[in-house]
C-alpha cells in the first residue's frame, strides 16, 4: 500500500507540467505595469477595460489603425481571461489588478474578444468586439 505522502507527491508531479504550461500561455503578451510606455518612447492612448461576469466594458472597443494603443484591463469580480485570437493575445487577468496589453493596430477589421479563463456558468457567452477603423476612413472624416 502506498503512503498518502508518496501518493500526493506523485499526483503533484503528474499535474506540474500542465500548470506550468498554462501559466506560460496565459501570461504571454502582458506588459509589466509602467514599463511599456516608458520604454517605447511613444505616447500611447490608454483605454480602460473591465471584465466582470459575463461581459467586457466598453463593448465594442473602437480604435484607429496605426495609433499606438495600450489596453489596461481589470477583472473586477474574480480571475478572467482576455483573448483576441486573431491578434495573438491571450492574457490571464488577476482579480482587481490592472494588466497592460499593447494592442497591435496595424490591421483594420472587427476582432472577437473572449474570456479565456473559465469564470462560471455563462463563461462561453463572455464575448466582446474590437473594431480597428482603417486609416483611410480617419483621413476622409477629418476633411471638411
C-alpha atoms as a PDB file:
ATOM      1  CA  UNK A   1       0.000   0.000   0.000  1.00  0.00           C
ATOM      2  CA  UNK A   2       1.284   3.475  -0.893  1.00  0.00           C
ATOM      3  CA  UNK A   3       1.562   6.087   1.832  1.00  0.00           C
ATOM      4  CA  UNK A   4      -0.511   9.281   1.477  1.00  0.00           C
ATOM      5  CA  UNK A   5       2.653  11.402   1.225  1.00  0.00           C
ATOM      6  CA  UNK A   6       4.034   9.422  -1.706  1.00  0.00           C
ATOM      7  CA  UNK A   7       0.628   9.487  -3.425  1.00  0.00           C
ATOM      8  CA  UNK A   8       0.377  13.274  -3.008  1.00  0.00           C
ATOM      9  CA  UNK A   9       3.920  13.708  -4.368  1.00  0.00           C
ATOM     10  CA  UNK A  10       3.162  11.597  -7.442  1.00  0.00           C
ATOM     11  CA  UNK A  11      -0.078  13.473  -8.004  1.00  0.00           C
ATOM     12  CA  UNK A  12       1.754  16.815  -7.836  1.00  0.00           C
ATOM     13  CA  UNK A  13       4.414  15.621 -10.293  1.00  0.00           C
ATOM     14  CA  UNK A  14       1.704  14.466 -12.709  1.00  0.00           C
ATOM     15  CA  UNK A  15      -0.002  17.911 -12.705  1.00  0.00           C
ATOM     16  CA  UNK A  16       3.110  20.114 -12.586  1.00  0.00           C
ATOM     17  CA  UNK A  17       3.769  20.249 -16.380  1.00  0.00           C
ATOM     18  CA  UNK A  18       0.136  21.180 -17.072  1.00  0.00           C
ATOM     19  CA  UNK A  19       0.190  24.005 -14.518  1.00  0.00           C
ATOM     20  CA  UNK A  20       3.489  25.375 -15.886  1.00  0.00           C
ATOM     21  CA  UNK A  21       2.280  25.378 -19.499  1.00  0.00           C
ATOM     22  CA  UNK A  22      -0.979  27.114 -18.513  1.00  0.00           C
ATOM     23  CA  UNK A  23       0.876  29.921 -16.759  1.00  0.00           C
ATOM     24  CA  UNK A  24       3.233  30.433 -19.704  1.00  0.00           C
ATOM     25  CA  UNK A  25       0.353  30.652 -22.186  1.00  0.00           C
ATOM     26  CA  UNK A  26      -1.917  32.908 -20.173  1.00  0.00           C
ATOM     27  CA  UNK A  27       0.711  35.487 -19.256  1.00  0.00           C
ATOM     28  CA  UNK A  28       2.160  35.885 -22.762  1.00  0.00           C
ATOM     29  CA  UNK A  29       1.543  39.315 -24.267  1.00  0.00           C
ATOM     30  CA  UNK A  30       1.029  41.152 -20.989  1.00  0.00           C
ATOM     31  CA  UNK A  31       3.280  44.072 -20.171  1.00  0.00           C
ATOM     32  CA  UNK A  32       4.621  44.895 -16.743  1.00  0.00           C
ATOM     33  CA  UNK A  33       2.784  47.919 -15.262  1.00  0.00           C
ATOM     34  CA  UNK A  34       4.507  51.206 -16.035  1.00  0.00           C
ATOM     35  CA  UNK A  35       7.276  49.643 -18.139  1.00  0.00           C
ATOM     36  CA  UNK A  36       5.780  49.686 -21.636  1.00  0.00           C
ATOM     37  CA  UNK A  37       5.011  53.359 -22.171  1.00  0.00           C
ATOM     38  CA  UNK A  38       8.354  54.471 -20.752  1.00  0.00           C
ATOM     39  CA  UNK A  39      10.447  52.034 -22.792  1.00  0.00           C
ATOM     40  CA  UNK A  40       8.659  52.558 -26.094  1.00  0.00           C
ATOM     41  CA  UNK A  41       9.007  56.349 -26.002  1.00  0.00           C
ATOM     42  CA  UNK A  42       5.684  56.746 -27.829  1.00  0.00           C
ATOM     43  CA  UNK A  43       2.546  58.296 -26.433  1.00  0.00           C
ATOM     44  CA  UNK A  44       0.012  55.506 -26.084  1.00  0.00           C
ATOM     45  CA  UNK A  45      -3.713  56.039 -25.954  1.00  0.00           C
ATOM     46  CA  UNK A  46      -4.783  54.199 -22.805  1.00  0.00           C
ATOM     47  CA  UNK A  47      -8.162  52.502 -22.886  1.00  0.00           C
ATOM     48  CA  UNK A  48      -9.555  51.272 -19.567  1.00  0.00           C
ATOM     49  CA  UNK A  49     -11.391  47.954 -19.941  1.00  0.00           C
ATOM     50  CA  UNK A  50     -13.156  45.990 -17.213  1.00  0.00           C
ATOM     51  CA  UNK A  51     -14.056  42.309 -17.097  1.00  0.00           C
ATOM     52  CA  UNK A  52     -16.935  41.174 -14.936  1.00  0.00           C
ATOM     53  CA  UNK A  53     -19.284  38.218 -15.061  1.00  0.00           C
ATOM     54  CA  UNK A  54     -20.110  37.863 -18.025  1.00  0.00           C
ATOM     55  CA  UNK A  55     -19.094  40.860 -20.119  1.00  0.00           C
ATOM     56  CA  UNK A  56     -16.348  43.296 -21.036  1.00  0.00           C
ATOM     57  CA  UNK A  57     -16.827  47.053 -20.782  1.00  0.00           C
ATOM     58  CA  UNK A  58     -16.662  49.011 -23.087  1.00  0.00           C
ATOM     59  CA  UNK A  59     -18.090  46.841 -25.811  1.00  0.00           C
ATOM     60  CA  UNK A  60     -17.167  47.371 -28.575  1.00  0.00           C
ATOM     61  CA  UNK A  61     -13.677  48.805 -28.166  1.00  0.00           C
ATOM     62  CA  UNK A  62     -13.000  51.215 -31.063  1.00  0.00           C
ATOM     63  CA  UNK A  63      -9.504  52.296 -32.163  1.00  0.00           C
ATOM     64  CA  UNK A  64      -7.879  53.792 -35.256  1.00  0.00           C
ATOM     65  CA  UNK A  65      -5.472  51.861 -37.469  1.00  0.00           C
ATOM     66  CA  UNK A  66      -1.826  52.708 -36.798  1.00  0.00           C
ATOM     67  CA  UNK A  67      -2.474  54.509 -33.490  1.00  0.00           C
ATOM     68  CA  UNK A  68      -0.444  53.193 -30.526  1.00  0.00           C
ATOM     69  CA  UNK A  69      -2.967  51.799 -28.028  1.00  0.00           C
ATOM     70  CA  UNK A  70      -2.478  50.333 -24.576  1.00  0.00           C
ATOM     71  CA  UNK A  71      -5.390  48.414 -23.081  1.00  0.00           C
ATOM     72  CA  UNK A  72      -5.484  48.484 -19.283  1.00  0.00           C
ATOM     73  CA  UNK A  73      -7.746  45.573 -18.400  1.00  0.00           C
ATOM     74  CA  UNK A  74      -9.014  44.896 -14.862  1.00  0.00           C
ATOM     75  CA  UNK A  75     -11.044  41.904 -13.670  1.00  0.00           C
ATOM     76  CA  UNK A  76     -13.460  43.236 -11.059  1.00  0.00           C
ATOM     77  CA  UNK A  77     -15.024  40.133  -9.515  1.00  0.00           C
ATOM     78  CA  UNK A  78     -12.511  37.252  -9.921  1.00  0.00           C
ATOM     79  CA  UNK A  79      -9.936  35.912 -12.393  1.00  0.00           C
ATOM     80  CA  UNK A  80     -10.859  36.178 -16.052  1.00  0.00           C
ATOM     81  CA  UNK A  81      -9.012  35.834 -19.327  1.00  0.00           C
ATOM     82  CA  UNK A  82      -8.706  38.345 -22.169  1.00  0.00           C
ATOM     83  CA  UNK A  83      -8.107  36.829 -25.587  1.00  0.00           C
ATOM     84  CA  UNK A  84      -8.137  38.139 -29.144  1.00  0.00           C
ATOM     85  CA  UNK A  85      -7.106  35.027 -31.055  1.00  0.00           C
ATOM     86  CA  UNK A  86      -6.597  36.760 -34.423  1.00  0.00           C
ATOM     87  CA  UNK A  87      -4.055  39.164 -32.866  1.00  0.00           C
ATOM     88  CA  UNK A  88      -2.258  36.546 -30.755  1.00  0.00           C
ATOM     89  CA  UNK A  89      -3.388  37.985 -27.409  1.00  0.00           C
ATOM     90  CA  UNK A  90      -4.218  35.660 -24.505  1.00  0.00           C
ATOM     91  CA  UNK A  91      -3.739  37.111 -21.013  1.00  0.00           C
ATOM     92  CA  UNK A  92      -4.796  35.997 -17.549  1.00  0.00           C
ATOM     93  CA  UNK A  93      -6.446  38.810 -15.572  1.00  0.00           C
ATOM     94  CA  UNK A  94      -5.934  38.507 -11.819  1.00  0.00           C
ATOM     95  CA  UNK A  95      -8.728  39.840  -9.609  1.00  0.00           C
ATOM     96  CA  UNK A  96      -8.586  43.647  -9.142  1.00  0.00           C
ATOM     97  CA  UNK A  97      -5.097  44.033 -10.668  1.00  0.00           C
ATOM     98  CA  UNK A  98      -4.817  46.080 -13.882  1.00  0.00           C
ATOM     99  CA  UNK A  99      -2.926  44.373 -16.701  1.00  0.00           C
ATOM    100  CA  UNK A 100      -1.411  46.415 -19.541  1.00  0.00           C
ATOM    101  CA  UNK A 101      -1.798  44.922 -23.006  1.00  0.00           C
ATOM    102  CA  UNK A 102      -0.183  46.641 -26.003  1.00  0.00           C
ATOM    103  CA  UNK A 103      -2.634  46.417 -28.876  1.00  0.00           C
ATOM    104  CA  UNK A 104      -1.358  45.883 -32.426  1.00  0.00           C
ATOM    105  CA  UNK A 105      -3.433  48.207 -34.617  1.00  0.00           C
ATOM    106  CA  UNK A 106      -1.762  47.650 -37.977  1.00  0.00           C
ATOM    107  CA  UNK A 107      -4.619  45.544 -39.451  1.00  0.00           C
ATOM    108  CA  UNK A 108      -8.103  47.091 -39.650  1.00  0.00           C
ATOM    109  CA  UNK A 109     -11.116  44.909 -39.027  1.00  0.00           C
ATOM    110  CA  UNK A 110     -13.527  43.575 -36.445  1.00  0.00           C
ATOM    111  CA  UNK A 111     -11.990  41.152 -33.953  1.00  0.00           C
ATOM    112  CA  UNK A 112     -13.677  38.861 -31.442  1.00  0.00           C
ATOM    113  CA  UNK A 113     -12.714  39.166 -27.777  1.00  0.00           C
ATOM    114  CA  UNK A 114     -13.482  36.325 -25.397  1.00  0.00           C
ATOM    115  CA  UNK A 115     -12.752  35.237 -21.851  1.00  0.00           C
ATOM    116  CA  UNK A 116     -10.068  32.546 -21.969  1.00  0.00           C
ATOM    117  CA  UNK A 117     -10.234  31.576 -18.286  1.00  0.00           C
ATOM    118  CA  UNK A 118     -13.296  29.660 -17.062  1.00  0.00           C
ATOM    119  CA  UNK A 119     -15.292  32.104 -14.938  1.00  0.00           C
ATOM    120  CA  UNK A 120     -18.633  30.441 -14.297  1.00  0.00           C
ATOM    121  CA  UNK A 121     -21.836  29.121 -15.777  1.00  0.00           C
ATOM    122  CA  UNK A 122     -22.116  31.620 -18.657  1.00  0.00           C
ATOM    123  CA  UNK A 123     -18.359  31.802 -19.370  1.00  0.00           C
ATOM    124  CA  UNK A 124     -18.793  30.789 -23.010  1.00  0.00           C
ATOM    125  CA  UNK A 125     -21.017  33.816 -23.640  1.00  0.00           C
ATOM    126  CA  UNK A 126     -18.469  36.293 -22.246  1.00  0.00           C
ATOM    127  CA  UNK A 127     -17.523  37.993 -25.501  1.00  0.00           C
ATOM    128  CA  UNK A 128     -16.782  41.419 -26.891  1.00  0.00           C
ATOM    129  CA  UNK A 129     -15.601  43.159 -30.061  1.00  0.00           C
ATOM    130  CA  UNK A 130     -12.558  45.170 -31.037  1.00  0.00           C
ATOM    131  CA  UNK A 131     -13.072  47.437 -34.055  1.00  0.00           C
ATOM    132  CA  UNK A 132      -9.957  48.821 -35.740  1.00  0.00           C
ATOM    133  CA  UNK A 133     -11.056  51.544 -38.164  1.00  0.00           C
ATOM    134  CA  UNK A 134      -8.963  51.884 -41.356  1.00  0.00           C
ATOM    135  CA  UNK A 135      -6.641  54.903 -41.587  1.00  0.00           C
ATOM    136  CA  UNK A 136      -8.282  55.992 -44.875  1.00  0.00           C
ATOM    137  CA  UNK A 137     -11.628  56.416 -43.109  1.00  0.00           C
ATOM    138  CA  UNK A 138      -9.978  58.574 -40.465  1.00  0.00           C
ATOM    139  CA  UNK A 139      -8.354  60.823 -43.091  1.00  0.00           C
ATOM    140  CA  UNK A 140     -11.626  61.205 -45.004  1.00  0.00           C
ATOM    141  CA  UNK A 141     -13.610  62.078 -41.871  1.00  0.00           C
ATOM    142  CA  UNK A 142     -11.208  64.910 -40.890  1.00  0.00           C
ATOM    143  CA  UNK A 143     -11.597  66.767 -44.227  1.00  0.00           C
ATOM    144  CA  UNK A 144     -14.363  69.435 -44.483  1.00  0.00           C
END
